[in-house]
Amino acid sequence: SGNDGGDDDAVEPIGAVTLSRLDGDRPAVGYWILPERQGEGFGGEAATLLLDHAFRTYDVRGVEAGAFDYNDASRALLESLGFVEESRRREAWFVDGAYRDEVVYGLLREEWEGETRPATDG
């Protein structure tokens, strides 16, 4: 019955998506979902909306994204969206006491626009 000031209708953020480096021809896509909410499809849904926005709003040839070599879920998400592995930055990040590789992915406009995917609201 509407918002009565209680927490029943409170909105709690569960993650974030970002689009950065908009001054170049290959903006960077980033995403992060709370560990306890991962695996529920929110990352894919949010990334899809962000990619639609990026290609509809900006005159870019493509976008890129990175994932740690050990993050199988993140890499699978990127690949499910049509991203292609383009390079590997060896020992690029110091994480949990060890240097780790970053796998760099790219997605070109024609690859995104050529994909068949469910329509999103908004």
Foldseek 3Di string as FASTA:
>chain_A
DDCPPDCPPPDDDFWDWDWDPLVDQATEIDIDGHPVCPPVCPRLVVVLVVVVCPLVPHDHFKYKYKDWPPPPVVVVSCVVQPWDFDDKAQLPDQDPNGRTIITMTMDGPCSNVVDDDDDDDD
